[in-house]
Amino acid sequence: MDGSPGPRYALIVFIDDATSRLLALGFFRSEPTEACMETLRDHLAAHGRRAAA
Protein backbone atom coordinates (compact mmCIF):
# COMPACT_ATOMS: atom_id res chain seq x y z
CA MET A 1 0.00 0.00 0.00
CA ASP A 2 1.27 3.43 -0.90
CA GLY A 3 -0.06 6.95 -0.99
CA SER A 4 0.95 9.70 -3.37
CA PRO A 5 -0.33 13.17 -2.51
CA GLY A 6 -0.94 15.52 -5.42
CA PRO A 7 -1.99 19.13 -5.78
CA ARG A 8 -5.73 18.34 -5.68
CA TYR A 9 -6.08 14.65 -4.80
CA ALA A 10 -4.13 11.86 -3.13
CA LEU A 11 -3.83 8.45 -4.78
CA ILE A 12 -3.88 5.46 -2.44
CA VAL A 13 -2.99 2.19 -4.12
CA PHE A 14 -2.25 -1.46 -3.38
CA ILE A 15 0.38 -2.79 -5.80
CA ASP A 16 1.59 -6.39 -6.07
CA ASP A 17 5.37 -6.03 -5.76
CA ALA A 18 6.04 -9.23 -7.72
CA THR A 19 3.87 -8.41 -10.76
CA SER A 20 3.36 -4.60 -10.46
CA ARG A 21 -0.38 -5.31 -10.80
CA LEU A 22 -2.71 -2.70 -9.30
CA LEU A 23 -4.94 -4.49 -6.80
CA ALA A 24 -6.99 -1.58 -5.43
CA LEU A 25 -6.80 2.18 -5.71
CA GLY A 26 -8.70 5.31 -4.84
CA PHE A 27 -8.45 9.07 -5.25
CA PHE A 28 -9.17 11.17 -2.17
CA ARG A 29 -8.91 14.85 -1.26
CA SER A 30 -6.24 13.94 1.33
CA GLU A 31 -4.52 10.87 2.75
CA PRO A 32 -6.21 10.30 6.15
CA THR A 33 -6.61 6.96 7.87
CA GLU A 34 -10.23 6.70 6.69
CA ALA A 35 -9.16 6.84 3.03
CA CYS A 36 -6.53 4.15 3.63
CA MET A 37 -9.08 1.93 5.38
CA GLU A 38 -11.61 2.41 2.56
CA THR A 39 -9.01 1.32 0.01
CA LEU A 40 -8.11 -1.64 2.24
CA ARG A 41 -11.79 -2.67 2.38
CA ASP A 42 -11.95 -2.55 -1.44
CA HIS A 43 -8.80 -4.67 -1.67
CA LEU A 44 -10.10 -7.27 0.79
CA ALA A 45 -13.50 -7.43 -0.93
CA ALA A 46 -11.85 -8.08 -4.30
CA HIS A 47 -8.96 -10.34 -3.27
CA GLY A 48 -9.63 -11.64 0.24
CA ARG A 49 -7.16 -11.81 3.09
CA ARG A 50 -3.66 -13.13 2.48
CA ALA A 51 -2.85 -16.54 3.91
CA ALA A 52 0.49 -18.07 4.83
CA ALA A 53 1.97 -20.33 2.15
PDB file of N, CA and C in Angstrom:
ATOM      1  N   MET A   1       0.847  -1.164   0.000  1.00  0.00           N
ATOM      2  CA  MET A   1       0.000   0.000   0.000  1.00  0.00           C
ATOM      3  C   MET A   1       0.892   1.226   0.000  1.00  0.00           C
ATOM      4  N   ASP A   2       0.496   2.205  -0.819  1.00  0.00           N
ATOM      5  CA  ASP A   2       1.272   3.431  -0.902  1.00  0.00           C
ATOM      6  C   ASP A   2       0.320   4.578  -1.167  1.00  0.00           C
ATOM      7  N   GLY A   3       0.711   5.751  -0.729  1.00  0.00           N
ATOM      8  CA  GLY A   3      -0.060   6.951  -0.986  1.00  0.00           C
ATOM      9  C   GLY A   3       0.812   7.978  -1.684  1.00  0.00           C
ATOM     10  N   SER A   4       0.227   8.666  -2.645  1.00  0.00           N
ATOM     11  CA  SER A   4       0.947   9.703  -3.374  1.00  0.00           C
ATOM     12  C   SER A   4       0.106  10.973  -3.369  1.00  0.00           C
ATOM     13  N   PRO A   5       0.445  11.937  -2.519  1.00  0.00           N
ATOM     14  CA  PRO A   5      -0.334  13.175  -2.506  1.00  0.00           C
ATOM     15  C   PRO A   5      -0.043  14.018  -3.745  1.00  0.00           C
ATOM     16  N   GLY A   6      -1.081  14.631  -4.265  1.00  0.00           N
ATOM     17  CA  GLY A   6      -0.938  15.516  -5.425  1.00  0.00           C
ATOM     18  C   GLY A   6      -1.481  16.887  -5.078  1.00  0.00           C
ATOM     19  N   PRO A   7      -1.524  17.772  -6.055  1.00  0.00           N
ATOM     20  CA  PRO A   7      -1.987  19.130  -5.781  1.00  0.00           C
ATOM     21  C   PRO A   7      -3.471  19.198  -5.414  1.00  0.00           C
ATOM     22  N   ARG A   8      -4.296  18.304  -5.968  1.00  0.00           N
ATOM     23  CA  ARG A   8      -5.733  18.335  -5.678  1.00  0.00           C
ATOM     24  C   ARG A   8      -6.241  17.070  -5.011  1.00  0.00           C
ATOM     25  N   TYR A   9      -5.629  15.930  -5.332  1.00  0.00           N
ATOM     26  CA  TYR A   9      -6.078  14.645  -4.796  1.00  0.00           C
ATOM     27  C   TYR A   9      -4.880  13.798  -4.400  1.00  0.00           C
ATOM     28  N   ALA A  10      -5.138  12.853  -3.504  1.00  0.00           N
ATOM     29  CA  ALA A  10      -4.128  11.862  -3.131  1.00  0.00           C
ATOM     30  C   ALA A  10      -4.550  10.522  -3.740  1.00  0.00           C
ATOM     31  N   LEU A  11      -3.594   9.795  -4.261  1.00  0.00           N
ATOM     32  CA  LEU A  11      -3.832   8.451  -4.778  1.00  0.00           C
ATOM     33  C   LEU A  11      -3.367   7.463  -3.728  1.00  0.00           C
ATOM     34  N   ILE A  12      -4.244   6.543  -3.342  1.00  0.00           N
ATOM     35  CA  ILE A  12      -3.885   5.461  -2.440  1.00  0.00           C
ATOM     36  C   ILE A  12      -4.039   4.177  -3.233  1.00  0.00           C
ATOM     37  N   VAL A  13      -2.996   3.349  -3.240  1.00  0.00           N
ATOM     38  CA  VAL A  13      -2.987   2.187  -4.123  1.00  0.00           C
ATOM     39  C   VAL A  13      -2.330   0.984  -3.447  1.00  0.00           C
ATOM     40  N   PHE A  14      -2.877  -0.182  -3.745  1.00  0.00           N
ATOM     41  CA  PHE A  14      -2.249  -1.461  -3.381  1.00  0.00           C
ATOM     42  C   PHE A  14      -1.631  -2.007  -4.660  1.00  0.00           C
ATOM     43  N   ILE A  15      -0.337  -2.278  -4.635  1.00  0.00           N
ATOM     44  CA  ILE A  15       0.382  -2.788  -5.800  1.00  0.00           C
ATOM     45  C   ILE A  15       1.055  -4.105  -5.421  1.00  0.00           C
ATOM     46  N   ASP A  16       0.895  -5.118  -6.263  1.00  0.00           N
ATOM     47  CA  ASP A  16       1.591  -6.388  -6.068  1.00  0.00           C
ATOM     48  C   ASP A  16       3.052  -6.169  -6.449  1.00  0.00           C
ATOM     49  N   ASP A  17       3.955  -6.278  -5.496  1.00  0.00           N
ATOM     50  CA  ASP A  17       5.373  -6.032  -5.757  1.00  0.00           C
ATOM     51  C   ASP A  17       5.963  -7.003  -6.786  1.00  0.00           C
ATOM     52  N   ALA A  18       5.472  -8.229  -6.818  1.00  0.00           N
ATOM     53  CA  ALA A  18       6.036  -9.231  -7.724  1.00  0.00           C
ATOM     54  C   ALA A  18       5.628  -8.990  -9.174  1.00  0.00           C
ATOM     55  N   THR A  19       4.381  -8.538  -9.389  1.00  0.00           N
ATOM     56  CA  THR A  19       3.874  -8.411 -10.757  1.00  0.00           C
ATOM     57  C   THR A  19       3.610  -6.957 -11.178  1.00  0.00           C
ATOM     58  N   SER A  20       3.691  -6.023 -10.243  1.00  0.00           N
ATOM     59  CA  SER A  20       3.359  -4.602 -10.460  1.00  0.00           C
ATOM     60  C   SER A  20       1.886  -4.402 -10.813  1.00  0.00           C
ATOM     61  N   ARG A  21       1.056  -5.394 -10.522  1.00  0.00           N
ATOM     62  CA  ARG A  21      -0.380  -5.311 -10.801  1.00  0.00           C
ATOM     63  C   ARG A  21      -1.059  -4.426  -9.762  1.00  0.00           C
ATOM     64  N   LEU A  22      -1.934  -3.534 -10.207  1.00  0.00           N
ATOM     65  CA  LEU A  22      -2.715  -2.695  -9.300  1.00  0.00           C
ATOM     66  C   LEU A  22      -3.864  -3.529  -8.746  1.00  0.00           C
ATOM     67  N   LEU A  23      -3.926  -3.654  -7.432  1.00  0.00           N
ATOM     68  CA  LEU A  23      -4.940  -4.495  -6.802  1.00  0.00           C
ATOM     69  C   LEU A  23      -6.133  -3.696  -6.307  1.00  0.00           C
ATOM     70  N   ALA A  24      -5.920  -2.485  -5.869  1.00  0.00           N
ATOM     71  CA  ALA A  24      -6.994  -1.581  -5.428  1.00  0.00           C
ATOM     72  C   ALA A  24      -6.423  -0.173  -5.427  1.00  0.00           C
ATOM     73  N   LEU A  25      -7.264   0.795  -5.764  1.00  0.00           N
ATOM     74  CA  LEU A  25      -6.802   2.184  -5.715  1.00  0.00           C
ATOM     75  C   LEU A  25      -7.978   3.115  -5.528  1.00  0.00           C
ATOM     76  N   GLY A  26      -7.670   4.297  -5.031  1.00  0.00           N
ATOM     77  CA  GLY A  26      -8.698   5.306  -4.845  1.00  0.00           C
ATOM     78  C   GLY A  26      -8.081   6.693  -4.838  1.00  0.00           C
ATOM     79  N   PHE A  27      -8.857   7.669  -5.295  1.00  0.00           N
ATOM     80  CA  PHE A  27      -8.446   9.069  -5.252  1.00  0.00           C
ATOM     81  C   PHE A  27      -9.244   9.752  -4.150  1.00  0.00           C
ATOM     82  N   PHE A  28      -8.557  10.496  -3.303  1.00  0.00           N
ATOM     83  CA  PHE A  28      -9.172  11.165  -2.167  1.00  0.00           C
ATOM     84  C   PHE A  28      -8.627  12.584  -2.070  1.00  0.00           C
ATOM     85  N   ARG A  29      -9.353  13.462  -1.412  1.00  0.00           N
ATOM     86  CA  ARG A  29      -8.910  14.851  -1.262  1.00  0.00           C
ATOM     87  C   ARG A  29      -7.674  14.969  -0.374  1.00  0.00           C
ATOM     88  N   SER A  30      -7.440  13.980   0.481  1.00  0.00           N
ATOM     89  CA  SER A  30      -6.244  13.943   1.326  1.00  0.00           C
ATOM     90  C   SER A  30      -5.928  12.484   1.609  1.00  0.00           C
ATOM     91  N   GLU A  31      -4.965  12.235   2.473  1.00  0.00           N
ATOM     92  CA  GLU A  31      -4.524  10.865   2.751  1.00  0.00           C
ATOM     93  C   GLU A  31      -4.734  10.497   4.226  1.00  0.00           C
ATOM     94  N   PRO A  32      -5.972  10.646   4.748  1.00  0.00           N
ATOM     95  CA  PRO A  32      -6.209  10.302   6.147  1.00  0.00           C
ATOM     96  C   PRO A  32      -6.380   8.793   6.324  1.00  0.00           C
ATOM     97  N   THR A  33      -6.429   8.373   7.556  1.00  0.00           N
ATOM     98  CA  THR A  33      -6.611   6.957   7.872  1.00  0.00           C
ATOM     99  C   THR A  33      -7.878   6.405   7.234  1.00  0.00           C
ATOM    100  N   GLU A  34      -8.956   7.177   7.239  1.00  0.00           N
ATOM    101  CA  GLU A  34     -10.228   6.704   6.689  1.00  0.00           C
ATOM    102  C   GLU A  34     -10.092   6.345   5.209  1.00  0.00           C
ATOM    103  N   ALA A  35      -9.358   7.132   4.457  1.00  0.00           N
ATOM    104  CA  ALA A  35      -9.155   6.840   3.034  1.00  0.00           C
ATOM    105  C   ALA A  35      -8.343   5.553   2.864  1.00  0.00           C
ATOM    106  N   CYS A  36      -7.332   5.381   3.695  1.00  0.00           N
ATOM    107  CA  CYS A  36      -6.525   4.153   3.631  1.00  0.00           C
ATOM    108  C   CYS A  36      -7.376   2.935   3.975  1.00  0.00           C
ATOM    109  N   MET A  37      -8.229   3.059   4.987  1.00  0.00           N
ATOM    110  CA  MET A  37      -9.078   1.931   5.383  1.00  0.00           C
ATOM    111  C   MET A  37     -10.126   1.621   4.309  1.00  0.00           C
ATOM    112  N   GLU A  38     -10.653   2.640   3.642  1.00  0.00           N
ATOM    113  CA  GLU A  38     -11.610   2.408   2.561  1.00  0.00           C
ATOM    114  C   GLU A  38     -10.956   1.651   1.413  1.00  0.00           C
ATOM    115  N   THR A  39      -9.735   2.016   1.070  1.00  0.00           N
ATOM    116  CA  THR A  39      -9.009   1.321   0.010  1.00  0.00           C
ATOM    117  C   THR A  39      -8.688  -0.108   0.446  1.00  0.00           C
ATOM    118  N   LEU A  40      -8.353  -0.296   1.712  1.00  0.00           N
ATOM    119  CA  LEU A  40      -8.111  -1.644   2.238  1.00  0.00           C
ATOM    120  C   LEU A  40      -9.376  -2.491   2.151  1.00  0.00           C
ATOM    121  N   ARG A  41     -10.527  -1.925   2.496  1.00  0.00           N
ATOM    122  CA  ARG A  41     -11.794  -2.666   2.385  1.00  0.00           C
ATOM    123  C   ARG A  41     -12.035  -3.103   0.937  1.00  0.00           C
ATOM    124  N   ASP A  42     -11.783  -2.202  -0.022  1.00  0.00           N
ATOM    125  CA  ASP A  42     -11.949  -2.546  -1.436  1.00  0.00           C
ATOM    126  C   ASP A  42     -11.020  -3.690  -1.830  1.00  0.00           C
ATOM    127  N   HIS A  43      -9.778  -3.620  -1.361  1.00  0.00           N
ATOM    128  CA  HIS A  43      -8.799  -4.666  -1.667  1.00  0.00           C
ATOM    129  C   HIS A  43      -9.245  -6.014  -1.095  1.00  0.00           C
ATOM    130  N   LEU A  44      -9.678  -6.017   0.157  1.00  0.00           N
ATOM    131  CA  LEU A  44     -10.104  -7.267   0.790  1.00  0.00           C
ATOM    132  C   LEU A  44     -11.360  -7.829   0.128  1.00  0.00           C
ATOM    133  N   ALA A  45     -12.277  -6.972  -0.274  1.00  0.00           N
ATOM    134  CA  ALA A  45     -13.501  -7.433  -0.935  1.00  0.00           C
ATOM    135  C   ALA A  45     -13.182  -8.096  -2.280  1.00  0.00           C
ATOM    136  N   ALA A  46     -12.197  -7.551  -2.972  1.00  0.00           N
ATOM    137  CA  ALA A  46     -11.853  -8.083  -4.297  1.00  0.00           C
ATOM    138  C   ALA A  46     -10.934  -9.294  -4.238  1.00  0.00           C
ATOM    139  N   HIS A  47     -10.010  -9.324  -3.260  1.00  0.00           N
ATOM    140  CA  HIS A  47      -8.962 -10.345  -3.270  1.00  0.00           C
ATOM    141  C   HIS A  47      -8.900 -11.214  -2.016  1.00  0.00           C
ATOM    142  N   GLY A  48      -9.663 -10.877  -0.994  1.00  0.00           N
ATOM    143  CA  GLY A  48      -9.627 -11.639   0.237  1.00  0.00           C
ATOM    144  C   GLY A  48      -8.376 -11.347   1.054  1.00  0.00           C
ATOM    145  N   ARG A  49      -8.296 -11.998   2.192  1.00  0.00           N
ATOM    146  CA  ARG A  49      -7.157 -11.811   3.088  1.00  0.00           C
ATOM    147  C   ARG A  49      -6.026 -12.749   2.708  1.00  0.00           C
ATOM    148  N   ARG A  50      -4.804 -12.274   2.799  1.00  0.00           N
ATOM    149  CA  ARG A  50      -3.661 -13.129   2.477  1.00  0.00           C
ATOM    150  C   ARG A  50      -3.545 -14.260   3.494  1.00  0.00           C
ATOM    151  N   ALA A  51      -3.060 -15.374   3.047  1.00  0.00           N
ATOM    152  CA  ALA A  51      -2.847 -16.536   3.908  1.00  0.00           C
ATOM    153  C   ALA A  51      -1.384 -16.957   3.803  1.00  0.00           C
ATOM    154  N   ALA A  52      -0.887 -17.575   4.856  1.00  0.00           N
ATOM    155  CA  ALA A  52       0.489 -18.074   4.833  1.00  0.00           C
ATOM    156  C   ALA A  52       0.607 -19.210   3.811  1.00  0.00           C
ATOM    157  N   ALA A  53       1.741 -19.284   3.173  1.00  0.00           N
ATOM    158  CA  ALA A  53       1.968 -20.330   2.147  1.00  0.00           C
ATOM    159  C   ALA A  53       2.299 -21.639   2.787  1.00  0.00           C
TER     160      ALA A  53
END
